[in-house]
């Protein structure tokens, strides 16, 4: 695995940052690299920029997938709109691509290796679009990888289980009754009802051993004139929980808090889930296998790392019923993910590609 080759791949991808579902140059570049290595490649998965490559062995065996996300983040800097690879998806794609190129030369002996470049992790929707396409219907095992900030892992370190939390957004509408400001007793103030909802949401408690949070992040109420009691309010809530079970319970309690808080003031309500991502749900067998690959490359492995961030990779296990493992790779990354000046040690790319290649060797060779 040549350092110059992997660094050049990274620099090329880093120079073409594109946001979710708009990764046109990125997907074209990755597809060309796969095809150039003799890997059967399909593009425009489910009408998106998704790309998948397939390598087949001579003998039957498991269907294994290496997955990377491709999208960059949009920023406004000095009044200008710019796209930046501030979350390292260019690095993720580089490592998965390099592992694929290695095995295109070596040839796998059994089973099937699929190489998935997924769009729109940041905007959400990318993983679900890949699942709905049907291209992953035969996949039994999937492995992902992501660079981690220096607080979670230094260069030369890696965990086989990066444990993301579950994250969802809920929306609520509060309906009251309009009235003149001089006759408030004839109306039902949607703002008052929304305030009761905020207090009810803030009072939610779950099992204290499982990290969680719920916050009211938006509250909009306006009937135009300054002397009219508003009859409608919109609210948005940000929900976080470390486990999917806790998230399920949290959503139920938020719904009850909205209904009861509004009803206490005589208002009605309706609530819905706008979207989100499930938390990590890994297969212990794959965690052990990944740990072995990490030890082979780096000499030792880290314990599972719990991180509050979300990741749509976990749709593959919760909705796709695919066994998964997800590597958190130390890279001396600073000042942090999603920071426009994020930097990391490029040597980590070699570590990650070698770990992924070692996983393929263990499963398919």
Protein backbone atom coordinates (compact mmCIF):
# COMPACT_ATOMS: atom_id res chain seq x y z
CA UNK A 1 0.00 0.00 0.00
CA UNK A 2 1.88 3.04 -1.29
CA UNK A 3 1.74 6.21 0.83
CA UNK A 4 2.00 8.49 -2.20
CA UNK A 5 -0.99 6.83 -3.89
CA UNK A 6 -3.31 7.08 -0.91
CA UNK A 7 -2.29 10.69 -0.20
CA UNK A 8 -2.95 11.65 -3.83
CA UNK A 9 -6.40 10.05 -3.70
CA UNK A 10 -7.20 12.01 -0.56
CA UNK A 11 -5.99 15.35 -1.94
CA UNK A 12 -8.07 14.84 -5.09
CA UNK A 13 -11.24 14.15 -3.10
CA UNK A 14 -10.52 16.95 -0.64
CA UNK A 15 -10.38 19.42 -3.54
CA UNK A 16 -13.93 18.60 -4.72
CA UNK A 17 -16.19 19.11 -1.68
CA UNK A 18 -19.87 18.62 -2.55
CA UNK A 19 -22.88 18.57 -0.23
CA UNK A 20 -25.41 15.77 0.15
CA UNK A 21 -26.98 14.31 -3.01
CA UNK A 22 -24.84 16.71 -5.07
CA UNK A 23 -21.62 14.67 -4.99
CA UNK A 24 -21.40 14.57 -8.79
CA UNK A 25 -17.64 14.99 -9.30
CA UNK A 26 -16.89 12.91 -6.22
CA UNK A 27 -19.01 9.95 -7.27
CA UNK A 28 -17.68 10.10 -10.83
CA UNK A 29 -14.08 10.07 -9.59
CA UNK A 30 -14.70 7.14 -7.25
CA UNK A 31 -16.57 5.17 -9.91
CA UNK A 32 -13.75 5.70 -12.41
CA UNK A 33 -11.20 4.44 -9.90
CA UNK A 34 -13.25 1.31 -9.21
CA UNK A 35 -13.84 0.62 -12.91
CA UNK A 36 -10.17 1.25 -13.67
CA UNK A 37 -9.27 -1.50 -11.22
CA UNK A 38 -11.61 -3.95 -12.93
CA UNK A 39 -14.32 -3.72 -10.28
CA UNK A 40 -17.89 -4.06 -11.57
CA UNK A 41 -19.44 -0.70 -10.75
CA UNK A 42 -22.94 0.76 -10.63
CA UNK A 43 -23.65 4.48 -10.29
CA UNK A 44 -26.67 6.69 -9.64
CA UNK A 45 -28.03 4.28 -7.05
CA UNK A 46 -31.75 4.90 -6.54
CA UNK A 47 -31.46 8.06 -8.64
CA UNK A 48 -28.81 9.54 -6.32
CA UNK A 49 -25.06 10.00 -6.50
CA UNK A 50 -24.50 6.69 -4.72
CA UNK A 51 -21.85 4.33 -6.11
CA UNK A 52 -21.32 0.63 -5.50
CA UNK A 53 -18.58 -1.70 -6.68
CA UNK A 54 -18.63 -5.51 -6.55
CA UNK A 55 -15.79 -8.05 -6.32
CA UNK A 56 -16.68 -11.75 -6.36
CA UNK A 57 -14.61 -14.68 -5.19
CA UNK A 58 -14.43 -18.09 -6.85
CA UNK A 59 -16.09 -19.85 -3.92
CA UNK A 60 -19.32 -19.14 -2.09
CA UNK A 61 -19.11 -17.17 1.12
CA UNK A 62 -20.44 -14.16 3.00
CA UNK A 63 -21.44 -10.92 1.31
CA UNK A 64 -19.44 -8.17 3.00
CA UNK A 65 -19.72 -4.43 2.39
CA UNK A 66 -17.29 -1.61 3.12
CA UNK A 67 -19.16 1.70 3.37
CA UNK A 68 -17.96 5.30 3.21
CA UNK A 69 -19.88 8.56 3.13
CA UNK A 70 -18.95 11.17 0.51
CA UNK A 71 -20.60 14.49 1.33
CA UNK A 72 -19.05 17.73 2.54
CA UNK A 73 -20.49 20.53 4.69
CA UNK A 74 -21.74 23.96 3.62
CA UNK A 75 -20.32 27.02 5.39
CA UNK A 76 -20.66 30.77 5.06
CA UNK A 77 -17.22 32.33 5.45
CA UNK A 78 -16.56 36.04 4.99
CA UNK A 79 -20.01 36.35 3.46
CA UNK A 80 -19.34 33.64 0.87
CA UNK A 81 -20.99 30.21 0.60
CA UNK A 82 -18.32 27.50 0.51
CA UNK A 83 -18.28 23.72 0.78
CA UNK A 84 -15.61 22.15 2.99
CA UNK A 85 -14.75 18.57 3.89
CA UNK A 86 -14.85 19.44 7.60
CA UNK A 87 -16.09 16.03 8.77
CA UNK A 88 -13.52 13.93 6.95
CA UNK A 89 -15.79 12.10 4.55
CA UNK A 90 -13.10 12.58 1.91
CA UNK A 91 -10.80 10.62 4.22
CA UNK A 92 -13.42 7.91 4.79
CA UNK A 93 -13.88 7.50 1.04
CA UNK A 94 -10.12 7.42 0.51
CA UNK A 95 -9.62 4.59 3.00
CA UNK A 96 -12.46 2.47 1.64
CA UNK A 97 -11.35 3.08 -1.95
CA UNK A 98 -7.77 2.11 -1.14
CA UNK A 99 -8.86 -1.11 0.54
CA UNK A 100 -10.98 -1.91 -2.52
CA UNK A 101 -8.05 -1.28 -4.89
CA UNK A 102 -5.82 -3.54 -2.80
CA UNK A 103 -8.27 -6.42 -3.07
CA UNK A 104 -8.93 -5.79 -6.74
CA UNK A 105 -5.26 -6.74 -7.24
CA UNK A 106 -5.07 -9.58 -4.71
CA UNK A 107 -8.46 -11.12 -5.58
CA UNK A 108 -10.74 -12.45 -2.89
CA UNK A 109 -11.06 -16.23 -2.67
CA UNK A 110 -14.64 -16.59 -1.48
CA UNK A 111 -17.83 -14.65 -1.05
CA UNK A 112 -18.53 -11.16 -2.33
CA UNK A 113 -17.10 -7.77 -1.45
CA UNK A 114 -19.29 -4.73 -2.06
CA UNK A 115 -17.83 -1.22 -1.87
CA UNK A 116 -20.46 1.41 -1.11
CA UNK A 117 -19.94 5.15 -1.44
CA UNK A 118 -23.00 6.68 0.16
CA UNK A 119 -24.27 10.23 -0.40
CA UNK A 120 -25.90 12.59 2.08
CA UNK A 121 -24.88 11.41 5.52
CA UNK A 122 -24.92 14.97 6.86
CA UNK A 123 -28.29 15.88 5.37
CA UNK A 124 -29.65 12.42 6.24
CA UNK A 125 -31.49 10.31 3.72
CA UNK A 126 -28.43 8.77 2.11
CA UNK A 127 -28.44 5.47 3.98
CA UNK A 128 -32.19 5.04 3.60
CA UNK A 129 -31.93 5.72 -0.15
CA UNK A 130 -29.28 3.01 -0.48
CA UNK A 131 -31.43 0.52 1.44
CA UNK A 132 -34.54 1.31 -0.62
CA UNK A 133 -32.61 0.70 -3.85
CA UNK A 134 -32.29 -3.01 -3.08
CA UNK A 135 -28.56 -3.15 -3.88
CA UNK A 136 -27.80 -4.18 -0.30
CA UNK A 137 -30.48 -6.86 -0.02
CA UNK A 138 -27.89 -9.67 -0.02
CA UNK A 139 -25.36 -7.93 2.25
CA UNK A 140 -24.80 -9.83 5.49
CA UNK A 141 -22.07 -7.73 7.08
CA UNK A 142 -21.08 -4.08 6.78
CA UNK A 143 -18.07 -2.17 8.06
CA UNK A 144 -17.71 1.60 8.34
CA UNK A 145 -14.92 3.92 9.43
CA UNK A 146 -14.61 7.54 10.54
CA UNK A 147 -11.83 9.81 11.75
CA UNK A 148 -12.20 10.91 15.37
CA UNK A 149 -11.25 14.14 17.14
CA UNK A 150 -8.09 13.97 19.25
CA UNK A 151 -10.17 13.85 22.44
CA UNK A 152 -11.49 10.43 21.37
CA UNK A 153 -8.40 8.95 19.77
CA UNK A 154 -4.82 9.82 18.89
CA UNK A 155 -2.84 8.77 15.83
CA UNK A 156 -2.13 5.06 16.08
CA UNK A 157 -5.31 4.31 18.02
CA UNK A 158 -8.62 2.86 16.85
CA UNK A 159 -11.78 1.41 18.35
CA UNK A 160 -13.85 -1.34 16.71
CA UNK A 161 -17.06 0.15 18.11
CA UNK A 162 -17.82 3.85 17.81
CA UNK A 163 -21.07 4.11 19.75
CA UNK A 164 -23.12 6.99 18.38
CA UNK A 165 -26.26 8.06 20.16
CA UNK A 166 -29.73 8.28 18.68
CA UNK A 167 -30.84 11.72 17.51
CA UNK A 168 -34.30 12.84 16.35
CA UNK A 169 -36.21 16.05 15.68
CA UNK A 170 -39.89 16.35 16.64
CA UNK A 171 -42.32 19.08 15.55
CA UNK A 172 -45.50 20.19 17.28
CA UNK A 173 -48.37 22.52 16.47
CA UNK A 174 -50.34 24.16 19.28
CA UNK A 175 -53.85 25.41 18.44
CA UNK A 176 -55.58 27.93 20.69
CA UNK A 177 -58.26 30.54 20.06
CA UNK A 178 -57.64 34.10 18.82
CA UNK A 179 -58.93 37.08 20.76
CA UNK A 180 -58.45 40.81 21.08
CA UNK A 181 -55.80 41.83 23.58
CA UNK A 182 -58.47 43.69 25.55
CA UNK A 183 -60.53 40.50 25.92
CA UNK A 184 -58.03 37.72 26.63
CA UNK A 185 -60.64 35.68 28.48
CA UNK A 186 -62.35 35.02 25.17
CA UNK A 187 -59.29 33.38 23.66
CA UNK A 188 -56.71 30.68 24.32
CA UNK A 189 -53.19 32.05 24.02
CA UNK A 190 -51.05 29.62 22.04
CA UNK A 191 -47.92 31.17 23.54
CA UNK A 192 -49.11 30.41 27.07
CA UNK A 193 -49.87 26.85 26.02
CA UNK A 194 -46.46 26.54 24.36
CA UNK A 195 -44.81 27.81 27.55
CA UNK A 196 -46.60 25.07 29.48
CA UNK A 197 -45.31 22.56 26.94
CA UNK A 198 -41.73 23.83 27.37
CA UNK A 199 -41.98 23.35 31.12
CA UNK A 200 -43.47 19.88 30.69
CA UNK A 201 -40.72 18.86 28.27
CA UNK A 202 -38.02 20.19 30.60
CA UNK A 203 -39.46 18.06 33.40
CA UNK A 204 -38.98 14.78 31.50
CA UNK A 205 -36.79 12.27 33.30
CA UNK A 206 -35.48 8.88 32.15
CA UNK A 207 -33.16 6.25 33.58
CA UNK A 208 -30.22 8.35 34.87
CA UNK A 209 -27.70 5.68 33.82
CA UNK A 210 -28.48 6.32 30.13
CA UNK A 211 -27.43 9.75 28.80
CA UNK A 212 -30.28 11.69 27.18
CA UNK A 213 -31.47 15.22 26.54
CA UNK A 214 -34.48 16.98 25.06
CA UNK A 215 -34.53 20.69 24.24
CA UNK A 216 -37.05 23.08 22.72
CA UNK A 217 -35.08 24.57 19.84
CA UNK A 218 -37.78 26.59 18.05
CA UNK A 219 -40.95 28.40 19.11
CA UNK A 220 -42.87 30.45 16.56
CA UNK A 221 -46.16 32.26 17.22
CA UNK A 222 -47.50 35.27 15.36
CA UNK A 223 -50.93 36.53 14.40
CA UNK A 224 -49.73 39.67 12.71
CA UNK A 225 -51.03 42.54 14.82
CA UNK A 226 -49.46 43.30 18.19
CA UNK A 227 -52.80 43.38 20.01
CA UNK A 228 -54.15 39.98 18.92
CA UNK A 229 -53.72 36.91 21.10
CA UNK A 230 -52.14 34.28 18.83
CA UNK A 231 -54.08 31.09 18.25
CA UNK A 232 -51.28 29.01 16.76
CA UNK A 233 -47.71 28.15 17.68
CA UNK A 234 -45.12 25.85 16.16
CA UNK A 235 -42.47 24.14 18.24
CA UNK A 236 -39.41 22.03 17.43
CA UNK A 237 -37.62 19.68 19.83
CA UNK A 238 -34.15 18.16 19.62
CA UNK A 239 -34.02 14.68 21.20
CA UNK A 240 -30.85 12.76 22.05
CA UNK A 241 -30.40 9.40 23.76
CA UNK A 242 -27.50 6.97 23.94
CA UNK A 243 -29.64 3.90 23.21
CA UNK A 244 -32.48 3.22 20.81
CA UNK A 245 -34.62 1.93 23.67
CA UNK A 246 -34.18 5.20 25.58
CA UNK A 247 -35.01 7.19 22.43
CA UNK A 248 -38.24 5.25 21.94
CA UNK A 249 -39.29 6.07 25.50
CA UNK A 250 -38.18 9.69 25.15
CA UNK A 251 -40.34 10.22 22.06
CA UNK A 252 -43.37 8.84 23.89
CA UNK A 253 -42.78 11.17 26.83
CA UNK A 254 -42.31 14.22 24.62
CA UNK A 255 -45.61 13.44 22.91
CA UNK A 256 -47.36 13.20 26.28
CA UNK A 257 -45.71 16.42 27.48
CA UNK A 258 -46.95 18.29 24.40
CA UNK A 259 -50.48 16.92 24.66
CA UNK A 260 -50.80 17.50 28.41
CA UNK A 261 -49.06 20.88 28.43
CA UNK A 262 -51.32 22.24 25.70
CA UNK A 263 -54.47 20.70 27.20
CA UNK A 264 -53.74 22.32 30.57
CA UNK A 265 -54.42 25.70 28.93
CA UNK A 266 -57.35 24.45 26.86
CA UNK A 267 -55.36 24.22 23.63
CA UNK A 268 -55.13 21.30 21.24
CA UNK A 269 -51.96 19.88 19.73
CA UNK A 270 -50.49 17.56 17.16
CA UNK A 271 -46.95 16.25 17.02
CA UNK A 272 -44.80 14.36 14.52
CA UNK A 273 -41.25 13.14 14.03
CA UNK A 274 -39.45 15.15 11.35
CA UNK A 275 -36.48 12.82 11.09
CA UNK A 276 -33.37 11.55 12.77
CA UNK A 277 -30.98 8.65 13.12
CA UNK A 278 -30.93 5.57 15.33
CA UNK A 279 -28.11 4.83 17.73
CA UNK A 280 -25.42 2.20 17.35
CA UNK A 281 -26.45 -1.45 17.35
CA UNK A 282 -23.44 -3.66 16.62
CA UNK A 283 -22.79 -7.37 16.18
CA UNK A 284 -20.36 -8.64 18.82
CA UNK A 285 -18.83 -11.15 16.44
CA UNK A 286 -17.94 -8.38 13.99
CA UNK A 287 -16.63 -6.20 16.82
CA UNK A 288 -14.27 -9.02 17.81
CA UNK A 289 -13.19 -9.51 14.20
CA UNK A 290 -12.59 -5.78 13.74
CA UNK A 291 -10.63 -5.64 16.99
CA UNK A 292 -8.39 -8.40 15.67
CA UNK A 293 -7.77 -6.44 12.45
CA UNK A 294 -6.93 -3.29 14.42
CA UNK A 295 -4.47 -5.22 16.58
CA UNK A 296 -2.85 -6.66 13.46
CA UNK A 297 -2.24 -3.17 12.05
CA UNK A 298 -1.72 -1.01 15.15
CA UNK A 299 -0.67 -3.53 17.78
CA UNK A 300 -3.54 -2.80 20.17
CA UNK A 301 -7.18 -1.75 20.14
CA UNK A 302 -9.19 0.75 22.14
CA UNK A 303 -12.33 -0.02 24.11
CA UNK A 304 -15.66 1.05 22.58
CA UNK A 305 -15.95 4.84 22.41
CA UNK A 306 -19.24 6.50 23.33
CA UNK A 307 -19.90 9.68 21.37
CA UNK A 308 -22.99 11.92 21.47
CA UNK A 309 -23.00 12.57 17.73
CA UNK A 310 -25.36 10.85 15.29
CA UNK A 311 -24.64 8.78 12.18
CA UNK A 312 -27.03 7.38 9.58
CA UNK A 313 -24.80 4.30 9.20
CA UNK A 314 -26.95 2.71 11.89
CA UNK A 315 -29.94 2.53 9.55
CA UNK A 316 -28.17 -0.43 7.94
CA UNK A 317 -28.46 -2.48 11.13
CA UNK A 318 -31.79 -1.20 12.49
CA UNK A 319 -33.72 -1.06 9.19
CA UNK A 320 -31.62 -3.21 6.90
CA UNK A 321 -31.00 -5.98 9.44
CA UNK A 322 -27.33 -6.06 8.43
CA UNK A 323 -24.68 -7.03 10.97
CA UNK A 324 -22.35 -4.06 11.43
CA UNK A 325 -19.18 -2.72 13.02
CA UNK A 326 -17.93 0.85 12.83
CA UNK A 327 -14.32 1.87 13.37
CA UNK A 328 -13.39 5.08 15.13
CA UNK A 329 -9.90 6.00 13.90
CA UNK A 330 -7.49 8.21 15.83
CA UNK A 331 -5.84 10.82 13.62
CA UNK A 332 -4.72 13.68 15.92
CA UNK A 333 -7.71 15.52 14.46
CA UNK A 334 -8.18 19.12 15.65
CA UNK A 335 -9.78 21.49 16.45
CA UNK A 336 -12.79 19.23 15.86
CA UNK A 337 -15.22 17.70 13.40
CA UNK A 338 -17.45 20.18 11.55
CA UNK A 339 -14.90 22.95 12.16
CA UNK A 340 -13.99 24.69 8.88
CA UNK A 341 -10.28 24.52 9.78
CA UNK A 342 -10.29 20.85 10.74
CA UNK A 343 -6.93 19.13 10.14
CA UNK A 344 -5.58 15.65 10.84
CA UNK A 345 -2.44 13.57 10.39
CA UNK A 346 -2.59 11.96 6.95
CA UNK A 347 -0.74 8.89 8.23
CA UNK A 348 -4.11 7.83 9.66
CA UNK A 349 -5.30 7.15 6.11
CA UNK A 350 -2.78 4.34 5.81
CA UNK A 351 -3.83 2.89 9.15
CA UNK A 352 -7.51 2.93 8.21
CA UNK A 353 -7.02 1.42 4.76
CA UNK A 354 -4.87 -1.37 6.20
CA UNK A 355 -7.45 -2.16 8.89
CA UNK A 356 -10.23 -2.40 6.30
CA UNK A 357 -8.05 -4.55 4.05
CA UNK A 358 -7.28 -6.82 7.02
CA UNK A 359 -11.01 -7.22 7.71
CA UNK A 360 -11.59 -8.31 4.11
CA UNK A 361 -8.72 -10.78 4.37
CA UNK A 362 -10.22 -12.30 7.51
CA UNK A 363 -13.73 -12.64 6.06
CA UNK A 364 -13.19 -13.38 2.38
CA UNK A 365 -9.72 -14.86 2.01
